[in-house]
Amino acid sequence: MTLLLVQGALRQVWTPLKALTERLARSKEEALWGAAAQLYSLLFVCFDENVQRQEVLHALHGHLGSGSRQEVAGALQVGQTLRCIVSHPGVPDIVTCKCMVPMC
């Protein structure tokens, strides 16, 4: 029951969290991109529905095409983290966005 309540609460804040993450990712400040990278990873993990995961991937695709070096580098970093998450569920350390598996 508690898990269902948490999932419901998370769904209510999906749009504002995604918008905040996209805004942070467009910042020129490196620290803000770091926060955006962690938020993108958390959004991908916490929302296990395909629609929301596709939205995260779509946002990252937008950053890749932005022409901004920082956005491209950040999107690639998040992409690598997400690849690790999908390849090794339960292994990545989402807080530090580093994978514990050497091949990642």
PDB file of N, CA and C in Angstrom:
ATOM      1  N   MET A   1       0.830  -1.195   0.000  1.00  0.00           N
ATOM      2  CA  MET A   1       0.000   0.000   0.000  1.00  0.00           C
ATOM      3  C   MET A   1       0.875   1.258   0.000  1.00  0.00           C
ATOM      4  N   THR A   2       1.924   1.286   0.829  1.00  0.00           N
ATOM      5  CA  THR A   2       2.786   2.458   0.908  1.00  0.00           C
ATOM      6  C   THR A   2       3.469   2.717  -0.427  1.00  0.00           C
ATOM      7  N   LEU A   3       3.922   1.664  -1.094  1.00  0.00           N
ATOM      8  CA  LEU A   3       4.573   1.817  -2.388  1.00  0.00           C
ATOM      9  C   LEU A   3       3.623   2.443  -3.405  1.00  0.00           C
ATOM     10  N   LEU A   4       2.359   2.058  -3.374  1.00  0.00           N
ATOM     11  CA  LEU A   4       1.376   2.637  -4.289  1.00  0.00           C
ATOM     12  C   LEU A   4       1.178   4.118  -4.013  1.00  0.00           C
ATOM     13  N   LEU A   5       1.187   4.509  -2.749  1.00  0.00           N
ATOM     14  CA  LEU A   5       1.052   5.922  -2.399  1.00  0.00           C
ATOM     15  C   LEU A   5       2.257   6.717  -2.890  1.00  0.00           C
ATOM     16  N   VAL A   6       3.445   6.166  -2.733  1.00  0.00           N
ATOM     17  CA  VAL A   6       4.655   6.845  -3.187  1.00  0.00           C
ATOM     18  C   VAL A   6       4.631   6.988  -4.706  1.00  0.00           C
ATOM     19  N   GLN A   7       4.273   5.919  -5.422  1.00  0.00           N
ATOM     20  CA  GLN A   7       4.195   5.973  -6.884  1.00  0.00           C
ATOM     21  C   GLN A   7       3.184   7.034  -7.322  1.00  0.00           C
ATOM     22  N   GLY A   8       2.049   7.101  -6.641  1.00  0.00           N
ATOM     23  CA  GLY A   8       1.039   8.107  -6.972  1.00  0.00           C
ATOM     24  C   GLY A   8       1.550   9.516  -6.748  1.00  0.00           C
ATOM     25  N   ALA A   9       2.243   9.725  -5.649  1.00  0.00           N
ATOM     26  CA  ALA A   9       2.811  11.042  -5.362  1.00  0.00           C
ATOM     27  C   ALA A   9       3.869  11.406  -6.394  1.00  0.00           C
ATOM     28  N   LEU A  10       4.683  10.450  -6.775  1.00  0.00           N
ATOM     29  CA  LEU A  10       5.715  10.711  -7.776  1.00  0.00           C
ATOM     30  C   LEU A  10       5.098  11.080  -9.123  1.00  0.00           C
ATOM     31  N   ARG A  11       4.024  10.414  -9.498  1.00  0.00           N
ATOM     32  CA  ARG A  11       3.368  10.736 -10.770  1.00  0.00           C
ATOM     33  C   ARG A  11       2.864  12.175 -10.777  1.00  0.00           C
ATOM     34  N   GLN A  12       2.420  12.666  -9.626  1.00  0.00           N
ATOM     35  CA  GLN A  12       1.907  14.033  -9.545  1.00  0.00           C
ATOM     36  C   GLN A  12       3.009  15.068  -9.748  1.00  0.00           C
ATOM     37  N   VAL A  13       4.236  14.732  -9.405  1.00  0.00           N
ATOM     38  CA  VAL A  13       5.327  15.706  -9.535  1.00  0.00           C
ATOM     39  C   VAL A  13       6.203  15.434 -10.762  1.00  0.00           C
ATOM     40  N   TRP A  14       5.808  14.476 -11.613  1.00  0.00           N
ATOM     41  CA  TRP A  14       6.604  14.132 -12.786  1.00  0.00           C
ATOM     42  C   TRP A  14       6.884  15.349 -13.666  1.00  0.00           C
ATOM     43  N   THR A  15       5.841  16.058 -14.060  1.00  0.00           N
ATOM     44  CA  THR A  15       6.006  17.175 -14.993  1.00  0.00           C
ATOM     45  C   THR A  15       6.888  18.278 -14.415  1.00  0.00           C
ATOM     46  N   PRO A  16       6.650  18.725 -13.168  1.00  0.00           N
ATOM     47  CA  PRO A  16       7.542  19.761 -12.621  1.00  0.00           C
ATOM     48  C   PRO A  16       8.993  19.284 -12.454  1.00  0.00           C
ATOM     49  N   LEU A  17       9.183  18.024 -12.059  1.00  0.00           N
ATOM     50  CA  LEU A  17      10.548  17.508 -11.902  1.00  0.00           C
ATOM     51  C   LEU A  17      11.268  17.431 -13.247  1.00  0.00           C
ATOM     52  N   LYS A  18      10.566  16.992 -14.252  1.00  0.00           N
ATOM     53  CA  LYS A  18      11.167  16.900 -15.580  1.00  0.00           C
ATOM     54  C   LYS A  18      11.512  18.299 -16.101  1.00  0.00           C
ATOM     55  N   ALA A  19      10.617  19.248 -15.910  1.00  0.00           N
ATOM     56  CA  ALA A  19      10.867  20.624 -16.354  1.00  0.00           C
ATOM     57  C   ALA A  19      12.067  21.225 -15.614  1.00  0.00           C
ATOM     58  N   LEU A  20      12.145  20.996 -14.300  1.00  0.00           N
ATOM     59  CA  LEU A  20      13.275  21.486 -13.509  1.00  0.00           C
ATOM     60  C   LEU A  20      14.583  20.875 -13.999  1.00  0.00           C
ATOM     61  N   THR A  21      14.556  19.579 -14.257  1.00  0.00           N
ATOM     62  CA  THR A  21      15.757  18.887 -14.715  1.00  0.00           C
ATOM     63  C   THR A  21      16.218  19.438 -16.060  1.00  0.00           C
ATOM     64  N   GLU A  22      15.289  19.650 -16.979  1.00  0.00           N
ATOM     65  CA  GLU A  22      15.645  20.201 -18.290  1.00  0.00           C
ATOM     66  C   GLU A  22      16.229  21.605 -18.158  1.00  0.00           C
ATOM     67  N   ARG A  23      15.663  22.408 -17.270  1.00  0.00           N
ATOM     68  CA  ARG A  23      16.172  23.769 -17.072  1.00  0.00           C
ATOM     69  C   ARG A  23      17.578  23.744 -16.476  1.00  0.00           C
ATOM     70  N   LEU A  24      17.805  22.879 -15.493  1.00  0.00           N
ATOM     71  CA  LEU A  24      19.140  22.749 -14.903  1.00  0.00           C
ATOM     72  C   LEU A  24      20.156  22.304 -15.957  1.00  0.00           C
ATOM     73  N   ALA A  25      19.728  21.399 -16.835  1.00  0.00           N
ATOM     74  CA  ALA A  25      20.629  20.867 -17.852  1.00  0.00           C
ATOM     75  C   ALA A  25      21.006  21.914 -18.888  1.00  0.00           C
ATOM     76  N   ARG A  26      20.205  22.934 -19.059  1.00  0.00           N
ATOM     77  CA  ARG A  26      20.514  23.985 -20.020  1.00  0.00           C
ATOM     78  C   ARG A  26      21.389  25.078 -19.409  1.00  0.00           C
ATOM     79  N   SER A  27      21.669  24.958 -18.138  1.00  0.00           N
ATOM     80  CA  SER A  27      22.499  25.947 -17.439  1.00  0.00           C
ATOM     81  C   SER A  27      23.950  25.842 -17.886  1.00  0.00           C
ATOM     82  N   LYS A  28      24.645  26.934 -17.811  1.00  0.00           N
ATOM     83  CA  LYS A  28      26.073  26.953 -18.143  1.00  0.00           C
ATOM     84  C   LYS A  28      26.929  26.549 -16.937  1.00  0.00           C
ATOM     85  N   GLU A  29      26.313  26.453 -15.774  1.00  0.00           N
ATOM     86  CA  GLU A  29      27.020  26.083 -14.552  1.00  0.00           C
ATOM     87  C   GLU A  29      27.228  24.576 -14.495  1.00  0.00           C
ATOM     88  N   GLU A  30      28.460  24.150 -14.340  1.00  0.00           N
ATOM     89  CA  GLU A  30      28.769  22.717 -14.312  1.00  0.00           C
ATOM     90  C   GLU A  30      28.081  22.003 -13.150  1.00  0.00           C
ATOM     91  N   ALA A  31      28.029  22.657 -12.003  1.00  0.00           N
ATOM     92  CA  ALA A  31      27.401  22.033 -10.831  1.00  0.00           C
ATOM     93  C   ALA A  31      25.915  21.777 -11.078  1.00  0.00           C
ATOM     94  N   LEU A  32      25.261  22.681 -11.794  1.00  0.00           N
ATOM     95  CA  LEU A  32      23.844  22.484 -12.083  1.00  0.00           C
ATOM     96  C   LEU A  32      23.642  21.344 -13.065  1.00  0.00           C
ATOM     97  N   TRP A  33      24.589  21.171 -14.012  1.00  0.00           N
ATOM     98  CA  TRP A  33      24.471  20.039 -14.925  1.00  0.00           C
ATOM     99  C   TRP A  33      24.672  18.738 -14.154  1.00  0.00           C
ATOM    100  N   GLY A  34      25.545  18.760 -13.164  1.00  0.00           N
ATOM    101  CA  GLY A  34      25.726  17.571 -12.329  1.00  0.00           C
ATOM    102  C   GLY A  34      24.434  17.196 -11.620  1.00  0.00           C
ATOM    103  N   ALA A  35      23.736  18.209 -11.116  1.00  0.00           N
ATOM    104  CA  ALA A  35      22.451  17.958 -10.458  1.00  0.00           C
ATOM    105  C   ALA A  35      21.436  17.434 -11.468  1.00  0.00           C
ATOM    106  N   ALA A  36      21.436  18.001 -12.663  1.00  0.00           N
ATOM    107  CA  ALA A  36      20.518  17.537 -13.703  1.00  0.00           C
ATOM    108  C   ALA A  36      20.811  16.082 -14.074  1.00  0.00           C
ATOM    109  N   ALA A  37      22.076  15.734 -14.170  1.00  0.00           N
ATOM    110  CA  ALA A  37      22.457  14.355 -14.512  1.00  0.00           C
ATOM    111  C   ALA A  37      21.921  13.376 -13.464  1.00  0.00           C
ATOM    112  N   GLN A  38      22.057  13.729 -12.202  1.00  0.00           N
ATOM    113  CA  GLN A  38      21.538  12.856 -11.147  1.00  0.00           C
ATOM    114  C   GLN A  38      20.018  12.781 -11.202  1.00  0.00           C
ATOM    115  N   LEU A  39      19.372  13.927 -11.454  1.00  0.00           N
ATOM    116  CA  LEU A  39      17.907  13.917 -11.530  1.00  0.00           C
ATOM    117  C   LEU A  39      17.414  13.090 -12.715  1.00  0.00           C
ATOM    118  N   TYR A  40      18.066  13.222 -13.874  1.00  0.00           N
ATOM    119  CA  TYR A  40      17.660  12.396 -15.020  1.00  0.00           C
ATOM    120  C   TYR A  40      17.778  10.911 -14.666  1.00  0.00           C
ATOM    121  N   SER A  41      18.868  10.533 -14.037  1.00  0.00           N
ATOM    122  CA  SER A  41      19.056   9.128 -13.657  1.00  0.00           C
ATOM    123  C   SER A  41      17.982   8.683 -12.677  1.00  0.00           C
ATOM    124  N   LEU A  42      17.690   9.521 -11.692  1.00  0.00           N
ATOM    125  CA  LEU A  42      16.660   9.182 -10.707  1.00  0.00           C
ATOM    126  C   LEU A  42      15.278   9.107 -11.341  1.00  0.00           C
ATOM    127  N   LEU A  43      14.978  10.034 -12.247  1.00  0.00           N
ATOM    128  CA  LEU A  43      13.683   9.989 -12.928  1.00  0.00           C
ATOM    129  C   LEU A  43      13.538   8.683 -13.710  1.00  0.00           C
ATOM    130  N   PHE A  44      14.614   8.266 -14.348  1.00  0.00           N
ATOM    131  CA  PHE A  44      14.583   7.032 -15.130  1.00  0.00           C
ATOM    132  C   PHE A  44      14.354   5.822 -14.229  1.00  0.00           C
ATOM    133  N   VAL A  45      15.009   5.802 -13.076  1.00  0.00           N
ATOM    134  CA  VAL A  45      14.907   4.654 -12.173  1.00  0.00           C
ATOM    135  C   VAL A  45      13.593   4.655 -11.398  1.00  0.00           C
ATOM    136  N   CYS A  46      13.197   5.803 -10.894  1.00  0.00           N
ATOM    137  CA  CYS A  46      12.011   5.871 -10.028  1.00  0.00           C
ATOM    138  C   CYS A  46      10.706   5.709 -10.787  1.00  0.00           C
ATOM    139  N   PHE A  47      10.699   6.101 -12.052  1.00  0.00           N
ATOM    140  CA  PHE A  47       9.499   5.949 -12.863  1.00  0.00           C
ATOM    141  C   PHE A  47       9.743   4.796 -13.817  1.00  0.00           C
ATOM    142  N   ASP A  48       9.193   3.649 -13.477  1.00  0.00           N
ATOM    143  CA  ASP A  48       9.488   2.461 -14.272  1.00  0.00           C
ATOM    144  C   ASP A  48       8.510   2.263 -15.427  1.00  0.00           C
ATOM    145  N   GLU A  49       7.679   3.246 -15.690  1.00  0.00           N
ATOM    146  CA  GLU A  49       6.763   3.148 -16.819  1.00  0.00           C
ATOM    147  C   GLU A  49       7.485   3.582 -18.093  1.00  0.00           C
ATOM    148  N   ASN A  50       7.232   2.878 -19.179  1.00  0.00           N
ATOM    149  CA  ASN A  50       7.938   3.148 -20.429  1.00  0.00           C
ATOM    150  C   ASN A  50       7.739   4.570 -20.936  1.00  0.00           C
ATOM    151  N   VAL A  51       6.551   5.129 -20.754  1.00  0.00           N
ATOM    152  CA  VAL A  51       6.281   6.473 -21.262  1.00  0.00           C
ATOM    153  C   VAL A  51       7.220   7.488 -20.606  1.00  0.00           C
ATOM    154  N   GLN A  52       7.368   7.415 -19.298  1.00  0.00           N
ATOM    155  CA  GLN A  52       8.238   8.364 -18.610  1.00  0.00           C
ATOM    156  C   GLN A  52       9.700   8.123 -18.954  1.00  0.00           C
ATOM    157  N   ARG A  53      10.087   6.881 -19.079  1.00  0.00           N
ATOM    158  CA  ARG A  53      11.475   6.586 -19.467  1.00  0.00           C
ATOM    159  C   ARG A  53      11.752   7.110 -20.874  1.00  0.00           C
ATOM    160  N   GLN A  54      10.789   6.989 -21.767  1.00  0.00           N
ATOM    161  CA  GLN A  54      10.957   7.526 -23.112  1.00  0.00           C
ATOM    162  C   GLN A  54      11.086   9.041 -23.081  1.00  0.00           C
ATOM    163  N   GLU A  55      10.351   9.685 -22.188  1.00  0.00           N
ATOM    164  CA  GLU A  55      10.461  11.142 -22.065  1.00  0.00           C
ATOM    165  C   GLU A  55      11.851  11.553 -21.592  1.00  0.00           C
ATOM    166  N   VAL A  56      12.430  10.795 -20.671  1.00  0.00           N
ATOM    167  CA  VAL A  56      13.800  11.078 -20.221  1.00  0.00           C
ATOM    168  C   VAL A  56      14.757  10.938 -21.398  1.00  0.00           C
ATOM    169  N   LEU A  57      14.625   9.853 -22.144  1.00  0.00           N
ATOM    170  CA  LEU A  57      15.499   9.630 -23.299  1.00  0.00           C
ATOM    171  C   LEU A  57      15.302  10.712 -24.354  1.00  0.00           C
ATOM    172  N   HIS A  58      14.065  11.149 -24.554  1.00  0.00           N
ATOM    173  CA  HIS A  58      13.782  12.213 -25.513  1.00  0.00           C
ATOM    174  C   HIS A  58      14.451  13.519 -25.084  1.00  0.00           C
ATOM    175  N   ALA A  59      14.377  13.834 -23.801  1.00  0.00           N
ATOM    176  CA  ALA A  59      15.026  15.052 -23.291  1.00  0.00           C
ATOM    177  C   ALA A  59      16.536  14.978 -23.500  1.00  0.00           C
ATOM    178  N   LEU A  60      17.118  13.822 -23.230  1.00  0.00           N
ATOM    179  CA  LEU A  60      18.561  13.658 -23.430  1.00  0.00           C
ATOM    180  C   LEU A  60      18.920  13.805 -24.900  1.00  0.00           C
ATOM    181  N   HIS A  61      18.085  13.299 -25.774  1.00  0.00           N
ATOM    182  CA  HIS A  61      18.307  13.439 -27.216  1.00  0.00           C
ATOM    183  C   HIS A  61      18.311  14.919 -27.599  1.00  0.00           C
ATOM    184  N   GLY A  62      17.424  15.689 -27.001  1.00  0.00           N
ATOM    185  CA  GLY A  62      17.396  17.138 -27.246  1.00  0.00           C
ATOM    186  C   GLY A  62      18.689  17.807 -26.824  1.00  0.00           C
ATOM    187  N   HIS A  63      19.258  17.381 -25.697  1.00  0.00           N
ATOM    188  CA  HIS A  63      20.527  17.954 -25.239  1.00  0.00           C
ATOM    189  C   HIS A  63      21.662  17.578 -26.187  1.00  0.00           C
ATOM    190  N   LEU A  64      21.612  16.359 -26.725  1.00  0.00           N
ATOM    191  CA  LEU A  64      22.648  15.930 -27.666  1.00  0.00           C
ATOM    192  C   LEU A  64      22.641  16.796 -28.921  1.00  0.00           C
ATOM    193  N   GLY A  65      21.481  17.250 -29.340  1.00  0.00           N
ATOM    194  CA  GLY A  65      21.370  18.067 -30.540  1.00  0.00           C
ATOM    195  C   GLY A  65      21.441  19.555 -30.284  1.00  0.00           C
ATOM    196  N   SER A  66      21.712  19.955 -29.053  1.00  0.00           N
ATOM    197  CA  SER A  66      21.678  21.379 -28.702  1.00  0.00           C
ATOM    198  C   SER A  66      22.844  22.184 -29.278  1.00  0.00           C
ATOM    199  N   GLY A  67      23.954  21.524 -29.541  1.00  0.00           N
ATOM    200  CA  GLY A  67      25.139  22.246 -30.005  1.00  0.00           C
ATOM    201  C   GLY A  67      25.998  22.761 -28.861  1.00  0.00           C
ATOM    202  N   SER A  68      25.518  22.647 -27.642  1.00  0.00           N
ATOM    203  CA  SER A  68      26.280  23.076 -26.467  1.00  0.00           C
ATOM    204  C   SER A  68      27.171  21.926 -26.012  1.00  0.00           C
ATOM    205  N   ARG A  69      28.470  22.196 -25.923  1.00  0.00           N
ATOM    206  CA  ARG A  69      29.404  21.143 -25.478  1.00  0.00           C
ATOM    207  C   ARG A  69      29.006  20.555 -24.141  1.00  0.00           C
ATOM    208  N   GLN A  70      28.636  21.443 -23.215  1.00  0.00           N
ATOM    209  CA  GLN A  70      28.297  20.993 -21.864  1.00  0.00           C
ATOM    210  C   GLN A  70      27.035  20.121 -21.878  1.00  0.00           C
ATOM    211  N   GLU A  71      26.037  20.518 -22.655  1.00  0.00           N
ATOM    212  CA  GLU A  71      24.810  19.716 -22.719  1.00  0.00           C
ATOM    213  C   GLU A  71      25.082  18.360 -23.361  1.00  0.00           C
ATOM    214  N   VAL A  72      25.887  18.362 -24.423  1.00  0.00           N
ATOM    215  CA  VAL A  72      26.212  17.094 -25.096  1.00  0.00           C
ATOM    216  C   VAL A  72      26.985  16.177 -24.151  1.00  0.00           C
ATOM    217  N   ALA A  73      28.003  16.724 -23.491  1.00  0.00           N
ATOM    218  CA  ALA A  73      28.809  15.916 -22.560  1.00  0.00           C
ATOM    219  C   ALA A  73      27.958  15.389 -21.415  1.00  0.00           C
ATOM    220  N   GLY A  74      27.092  16.231 -20.878  1.00  0.00           N
ATOM    221  CA  GLY A  74      26.227  15.801 -19.787  1.00  0.00           C
ATOM    222  C   GLY A  74      25.247  14.729 -20.224  1.00  0.00           C
ATOM    223  N   ALA A  75      24.659  14.899 -21.404  1.00  0.00           N
ATOM    224  CA  ALA A  75      23.710  13.904 -21.906  1.00  0.00           C
ATOM    225  C   ALA A  75      24.404  12.568 -22.144  1.00  0.00           C
ATOM    226  N   LEU A  76      25.636  12.611 -22.656  1.00  0.00           N
ATOM    227  CA  LEU A  76      26.380  11.364 -22.858  1.00  0.00           C
ATOM    228  C   LEU A  76      26.702  10.684 -21.528  1.00  0.00           C
ATOM    229  N   GLN A  77      27.033  11.499 -20.516  1.00  0.00           N
ATOM    230  CA  GLN A  77      27.303  10.941 -19.182  1.00  0.00           C
ATOM    231  C   GLN A  77      26.054  10.252 -18.635  1.00  0.00           C
ATOM    232  N   VAL A  78      24.919  10.907 -18.756  1.00  0.00           N
ATOM    233  CA  VAL A  78      23.673  10.307 -18.273  1.00  0.00           C
ATOM    234  C   VAL A  78      23.355   9.052 -19.078  1.00  0.00           C
ATOM    235  N   GLY A  79      23.575   9.114 -20.391  1.00  0.00           N
ATOM    236  CA  GLY A  79      23.330   7.942 -21.230  1.00  0.00           C
ATOM    237  C   GLY A  79      24.138   6.742 -20.794  1.00  0.00           C
ATOM    238  N   GLN A  80      25.389   6.978 -20.433  1.00  0.00           N
ATOM    239  CA  GLN A  80      26.230   5.873 -19.970  1.00  0.00           C
ATOM    240  C   GLN A  80      25.708   5.317 -18.644  1.00  0.00           C
ATOM    241  N   THR A  81      25.288   6.199 -17.763  1.00  0.00           N
ATOM    242  CA  THR A  81      24.727   5.755 -16.490  1.00  0.00           C
ATOM    243  C   THR A  81      23.464   4.938 -16.719  1.00  0.00           C
ATOM    244  N   LEU A  82      22.605   5.404 -17.621  1.00  0.00           N
ATOM    245  CA  LEU A  82      21.364   4.681 -17.899  1.00  0.00           C
ATOM    246  C   LEU A  82      21.645   3.333 -18.551  1.00  0.00           C
ATOM    247  N   ARG A  83      22.647   3.278 -19.409  1.00  0.00           N
ATOM    248  CA  ARG A  83      23.028   1.998 -20.015  1.00  0.00           C
ATOM    249  C   ARG A  83      23.433   1.016 -18.925  1.00  0.00           C
ATOM    250  N   CYS A  84      24.177   1.490 -17.970  1.00  0.00           N
ATOM    251  CA  CYS A  84      24.619   0.646 -16.868  1.00  0.00           C
ATOM    252  C   CYS A  84      23.423   0.199 -16.028  1.00  0.00           C
ATOM    253  N   ILE A  85      22.499   1.107 -15.786  1.00  0.00           N
ATOM    254  CA  ILE A  85      21.309   0.784 -14.990  1.00  0.00           C
ATOM    255  C   ILE A  85      20.500  -0.310 -15.672  1.00  0.00           C
ATOM    256  N   VAL A  86      20.305  -0.173 -16.975  1.00  0.00           N
ATOM    257  CA  VAL A  86      19.508  -1.148 -17.716  1.00  0.00           C
ATOM    258  C   VAL A  86      20.248  -2.479 -17.819  1.00  0.00           C
ATOM    259  N   SER A  87      21.569  -2.431 -18.012  1.00  0.00           N
ATOM    260  CA  SER A  87      22.353  -3.655 -18.177  1.00  0.00           C
ATOM    261  C   SER A  87      22.529  -4.425 -16.875  1.00  0.00           C
ATOM    262  N   HIS A  88      22.580  -3.711 -15.762  1.00  0.00           N
ATOM    263  CA  HIS A  88      22.862  -4.329 -14.467  1.00  0.00           C
ATOM    264  C   HIS A  88      21.897  -3.785 -13.408  1.00  0.00           C
ATOM    265  N   PRO A  89      20.638  -4.144 -13.469  1.00  0.00           N
ATOM    266  CA  PRO A  89      19.680  -3.617 -12.489  1.00  0.00           C
ATOM    267  C   PRO A  89      20.136  -3.894 -11.052  1.00  0.00           C
ATOM    268  N   GLY A  90      20.017  -2.884 -10.213  1.00  0.00           N
ATOM    269  CA  GLY A  90      20.377  -3.036  -8.811  1.00  0.00           C
ATOM    270  C   GLY A  90      21.847  -2.827  -8.527  1.00  0.00           C
ATOM    271  N   VAL A  91      22.680  -2.709  -9.561  1.00  0.00           N
ATOM    272  CA  VAL A  91      24.114  -2.552  -9.347  1.00  0.00           C
ATOM    273  C   VAL A  91      24.546  -1.088  -9.280  1.00  0.00           C
ATOM    274  N   PRO A  92      23.996  -0.206 -10.133  1.00  0.00           N
ATOM    275  CA  PRO A  92      24.496   1.172 -10.130  1.00  0.00           C
ATOM    276  C   PRO A  92      24.251   1.896  -8.813  1.00  0.00           C
ATOM    277  N   ASP A  93      25.146   2.767  -8.483  1.00  0.00           N
ATOM    278  CA  ASP A  93      25.002   3.648  -7.339  1.00  0.00           C
ATOM    279  C   ASP A  93      24.448   4.963  -7.886  1.00  0.00           C
ATOM    280  N   ILE A  94      23.151   5.138  -7.809  1.00  0.00           N
ATOM    281  CA  ILE A  94      22.488   6.275  -8.428  1.00  0.00           C
ATOM    282  C   ILE A  94      22.903   7.592  -7.779  1.00  0.00           C
ATOM    283  N   VAL A  95      23.202   7.578  -6.507  1.00  0.00           N
ATOM    284  CA  VAL A  95      23.553   8.815  -5.819  1.00  0.00           C
ATOM    285  C   VAL A  95      24.808   9.434  -6.423  1.00  0.00           C
ATOM    286  N   THR A  96      25.782   8.617  -6.751  1.00  0.00           N
ATOM    287  CA  THR A  96      27.014   9.151  -7.326  1.00  0.00           C
ATOM    288  C   THR A  96      27.054   8.990  -8.839  1.00  0.00           C
ATOM    289  N   CYS A  97      26.020   8.354  -9.404  1.00  0.00           N
ATOM    290  CA  CYS A  97      25.934   8.123 -10.847  1.00  0.00           C
ATOM    291  C   CYS A  97      27.155   7.373 -11.362  1.00  0.00           C
ATOM    292  N   LYS A  98      27.628   6.437 -10.606  1.00  0.00           N
ATOM    293  CA  LYS A  98      28.743   5.616 -11.033  1.00  0.00           C
ATOM    294  C   LYS A  98      28.297   4.156 -10.959  1.00  0.00           C
ATOM    295  N   CYS A  99      28.771   3.391 -11.895  1.00  0.00           N
ATOM    296  CA  CYS A  99      28.413   1.986 -11.909  1.00  0.00           C
ATOM    297  C   CYS A  99      29.488   1.184 -11.209  1.00  0.00           C
ATOM    298  N   MET A 100      29.086   0.219 -10.444  1.00  0.00           N
ATOM    299  CA  MET A 100      30.037  -0.612  -9.706  1.00  0.00           C
ATOM    300  C   MET A 100      30.614  -1.724 -10.578  1.00  0.00           C
ATOM    301  N   VAL A 101      30.060  -1.899 -11.766  1.00  0.00           N
ATOM    302  CA  VAL A 101      30.533  -2.950 -12.659  1.00  0.00           C
ATOM    303  C   VAL A 101      31.663  -2.385 -13.528  1.00  0.00           C
ATOM    304  N   PRO A 102      32.861  -2.992 -13.503  1.00  0.00           N
ATOM    305  CA  PRO A 102      34.019  -2.445 -14.196  1.00  0.00           C
ATOM    306  C   PRO A 102      33.799  -2.221 -15.695  1.00  0.00           C
ATOM    307  N   MET A 103      33.026  -3.061 -16.378  1.00  0.00           N
ATOM    308  CA  MET A 103      32.886  -2.917 -17.816  1.00  0.00           C
ATOM    309  C   MET A 103      32.107  -1.674 -18.218  1.00  0.00           C
ATOM    310  N   CYS A 104      31.415  -1.040 -17.287  1.00  0.00           N
ATOM    311  CA  CYS A 104      30.651   0.161 -17.595  1.00  0.00           C
ATOM    312  C   CYS A 104      31.587   1.337 -17.606  1.00  0.00           C
TER     313      CYS A 104
END
